[in-house]
Amino acid sequence: GLNKRQVFLWIILPQVLLSSIPALTNQVINNLKDSTIVFLIQYTEFFARIQEVAATSFKFFHAYLFAAIVYLIGVTFIVGLTRFLEHRLLRHYGQDY
């Protein structure tokens, strides 16, 4: 038989990890969106600079398009990383989870 530690490590933990990855991904993306400091870049300062450039050059569309592209790159990276993690866990623990 398995002791409590083995049951947790080999049965419960893989199920918890695989079922929680989508929720954790959403939380990380929300933190990225709502946080003032992400990856050592202050997004509030970043968007203030975008607004400043847009106001001085009157190219609002281009400035906000650039900000959207930067945000999408960050979100795409996070989603790709979590997909990789999920596939790796599925491959390691099997498709039954």
C-alpha atoms as a PDB file:
ATOM      1  CA  GLY A   1       0.000   0.000   0.000  1.00  0.00           C
ATOM      2  CA  LEU A   2       0.875   3.638  -0.176  1.00  0.00           C
ATOM      3  CA  ASN A   3       1.496   5.840   2.816  1.00  0.00           C
ATOM      4  CA  LYS A   4      -0.094   9.286   3.132  1.00  0.00           C
ATOM      5  CA  ARG A   5       2.883  11.079   1.577  1.00  0.00           C
ATOM      6  CA  GLN A   6       2.940   8.784  -1.453  1.00  0.00           C
ATOM      7  CA  VAL A   7      -0.822   9.135  -1.939  1.00  0.00           C
ATOM      8  CA  PHE A   8      -0.477  12.908  -1.893  1.00  0.00           C
ATOM      9  CA  LEU A   9       2.554  13.049  -4.212  1.00  0.00           C
ATOM     10  CA  TRP A  10       1.455  10.451  -6.762  1.00  0.00           C
ATOM     11  CA  ILE A  11      -2.342  10.722  -6.806  1.00  0.00           C
ATOM     12  CA  ILE A  12      -3.691  13.959  -5.358  1.00  0.00           C
ATOM     13  CA  LEU A  13      -1.005  16.485  -6.381  1.00  0.00           C
ATOM     14  CA  PRO A  14      -1.034  15.672 -10.135  1.00  0.00           C
ATOM     15  CA  GLN A  15      -4.819  15.979 -10.244  1.00  0.00           C
ATOM     16  CA  VAL A  16      -4.735  19.294  -8.396  1.00  0.00           C
ATOM     17  CA  LEU A  17      -1.996  20.704 -10.631  1.00  0.00           C
ATOM     18  CA  LEU A  18      -3.725  19.764 -13.872  1.00  0.00           C
ATOM     19  CA  SER A  19      -7.127  21.020 -12.794  1.00  0.00           C
ATOM     20  CA  SER A  20      -5.781  24.313 -11.423  1.00  0.00           C
ATOM     21  CA  ILE A  21      -3.631  25.387 -14.395  1.00  0.00           C
ATOM     22  CA  PRO A  22      -6.458  27.208 -16.277  1.00  0.00           C
ATOM     23  CA  ALA A  23      -7.497  29.123 -13.149  1.00  0.00           C
ATOM     24  CA  LEU A  24      -3.889  30.005 -12.348  1.00  0.00           C
ATOM     25  CA  THR A  25      -3.383  31.219 -15.923  1.00  0.00           C
ATOM     26  CA  ASN A  26      -6.388  33.521 -15.637  1.00  0.00           C
ATOM     27  CA  GLN A  27      -5.120  34.849 -12.324  1.00  0.00           C
ATOM     28  CA  VAL A  28      -1.644  35.551 -13.707  1.00  0.00           C
ATOM     29  CA  ILE A  29      -3.134  37.394 -16.703  1.00  0.00           C
ATOM     30  CA  ASN A  30      -5.377  39.429 -14.388  1.00  0.00           C
ATOM     31  CA  ASN A  31      -2.369  40.274 -12.231  1.00  0.00           C
ATOM     32  CA  LEU A  32      -0.493  41.318 -15.352  1.00  0.00           C
ATOM     33  CA  LYS A  33      -3.361  43.572 -16.323  1.00  0.00           C
ATOM     34  CA  ASP A  34      -3.969  45.038 -12.864  1.00  0.00           C
ATOM     35  CA  SER A  35      -0.445  45.247 -11.492  1.00  0.00           C
ATOM     36  CA  THR A  36       1.664  48.384 -11.467  1.00  0.00           C
ATOM     37  CA  ILE A  37       4.943  46.506 -11.557  1.00  0.00           C
ATOM     38  CA  VAL A  38       5.299  43.566 -13.920  1.00  0.00           C
ATOM     39  CA  PHE A  39       8.603  42.126 -15.061  1.00  0.00           C
ATOM     40  CA  LEU A  40      10.374  45.155 -13.577  1.00  0.00           C
ATOM     41  CA  ILE A  41       8.425  47.486 -15.888  1.00  0.00           C
ATOM     42  CA  GLN A  42       5.957  49.902 -14.409  1.00  0.00           C
ATOM     43  CA  TYR A  43       2.912  49.633 -16.639  1.00  0.00           C
ATOM     44  CA  THR A  44       1.409  52.799 -15.211  1.00  0.00           C
ATOM     45  CA  GLU A  45       4.524  54.660 -16.297  1.00  0.00           C
ATOM     46  CA  PHE A  46       4.471  52.832 -19.629  1.00  0.00           C
ATOM     47  CA  PHE A  47       0.896  53.881 -20.353  1.00  0.00           C
ATOM     48  CA  ALA A  48       1.598  57.419 -19.150  1.00  0.00           C
ATOM     49  CA  ARG A  49       4.416  57.607 -21.708  1.00  0.00           C
ATOM     50  CA  ILE A  50       2.110  56.199 -24.384  1.00  0.00           C
ATOM     51  CA  GLN A  51      -0.464  58.892 -23.609  1.00  0.00           C
ATOM     52  CA  GLU A  52       2.258  61.542 -23.648  1.00  0.00           C
ATOM     53  CA  VAL A  53       3.528  60.410 -27.054  1.00  0.00           C
ATOM     54  CA  ALA A  54      -0.024  60.231 -28.394  1.00  0.00           C
ATOM     55  CA  ALA A  55      -0.811  63.735 -27.138  1.00  0.00           C
ATOM     56  CA  THR A  56       2.326  65.316 -28.584  1.00  0.00           C
ATOM     57  CA  SER A  57       2.303  63.542 -31.945  1.00  0.00           C
ATOM     58  CA  PHE A  58      -1.483  63.310 -32.382  1.00  0.00           C
ATOM     59  CA  LYS A  59      -1.010  59.673 -33.394  1.00  0.00           C
ATOM     60  CA  PHE A  60      -3.281  58.124 -30.815  1.00  0.00           C
ATOM     61  CA  PHE A  61      -4.037  55.016 -32.847  1.00  0.00           C
ATOM     62  CA  HIS A  62      -0.376  54.132 -33.354  1.00  0.00           C
ATOM     63  CA  ALA A  63       0.541  54.755 -29.727  1.00  0.00           C
ATOM     64  CA  TYR A  64      -2.287  52.665 -28.320  1.00  0.00           C
ATOM     65  CA  LEU A  65      -1.729  49.980 -30.951  1.00  0.00           C
ATOM     66  CA  PHE A  66       1.863  49.692 -29.748  1.00  0.00           C
ATOM     67  CA  ALA A  67       0.676  49.395 -26.136  1.00  0.00           C
ATOM     68  CA  ALA A  68      -1.832  46.707 -27.144  1.00  0.00           C
ATOM     69  CA  ILE A  69       0.857  44.758 -28.998  1.00  0.00           C
ATOM     70  CA  VAL A  70       3.151  44.856 -25.960  1.00  0.00           C
ATOM     71  CA  TYR A  71       0.300  43.630 -23.752  1.00  0.00           C
ATOM     72  CA  LEU A  72      -0.623  40.856 -26.207  1.00  0.00           C
ATOM     73  CA  ILE A  73       2.977  39.681 -26.399  1.00  0.00           C
ATOM     74  CA  GLY A  74       3.084  39.390 -22.608  1.00  0.00           C
ATOM     75  CA  VAL A  75      -0.229  37.530 -22.428  1.00  0.00           C
ATOM     76  CA  THR A  76       0.736  35.231 -25.319  1.00  0.00           C
ATOM     77  CA  PHE A  77       3.983  34.375 -23.554  1.00  0.00           C
ATOM     78  CA  ILE A  78       2.150  33.515 -20.331  1.00  0.00           C
ATOM     79  CA  VAL A  79      -0.466  31.403 -22.133  1.00  0.00           C
ATOM     80  CA  GLY A  80       2.238  29.566 -24.086  1.00  0.00           C
ATOM     81  CA  LEU A  81       4.181  28.891 -20.914  1.00  0.00           C
ATOM     82  CA  THR A  82       1.143  27.467 -19.133  1.00  0.00           C
ATOM     83  CA  ARG A  83       0.216  25.323 -22.161  1.00  0.00           C
ATOM     84  CA  PHE A  84       3.739  23.934 -22.174  1.00  0.00           C
ATOM     85  CA  LEU A  85       3.486  23.199 -18.455  1.00  0.00           C
ATOM     86  CA  GLU A  86       0.090  21.543 -18.866  1.00  0.00           C
ATOM     87  CA  HIS A  87       1.269  19.331 -21.746  1.00  0.00           C
ATOM     88  CA  ARG A  88       4.384  18.381 -19.832  1.00  0.00           C
ATOM     89  CA  LEU A  89       2.331  17.394 -16.789  1.00  0.00           C
ATOM     90  CA  LEU A  90      -0.066  15.404 -18.976  1.00  0.00           C
ATOM     91  CA  ARG A  91       2.827  13.605 -20.637  1.00  0.00           C
ATOM     92  CA  HIS A  92       4.457  12.866 -17.278  1.00  0.00           C
ATOM     93  CA  TYR A  93       1.360  11.747 -15.381  1.00  0.00           C
ATOM     94  CA  GLY A  94      -0.615  10.311 -18.289  1.00  0.00           C
ATOM     95  CA  GLN A  95      -3.815  11.272 -20.061  1.00  0.00           C
ATOM     96  CA  ASP A  96      -6.064   9.865 -17.322  1.00  0.00           C
ATOM     97  CA  TYR A  97      -5.933  13.091 -15.332  1.00  0.00           C
END
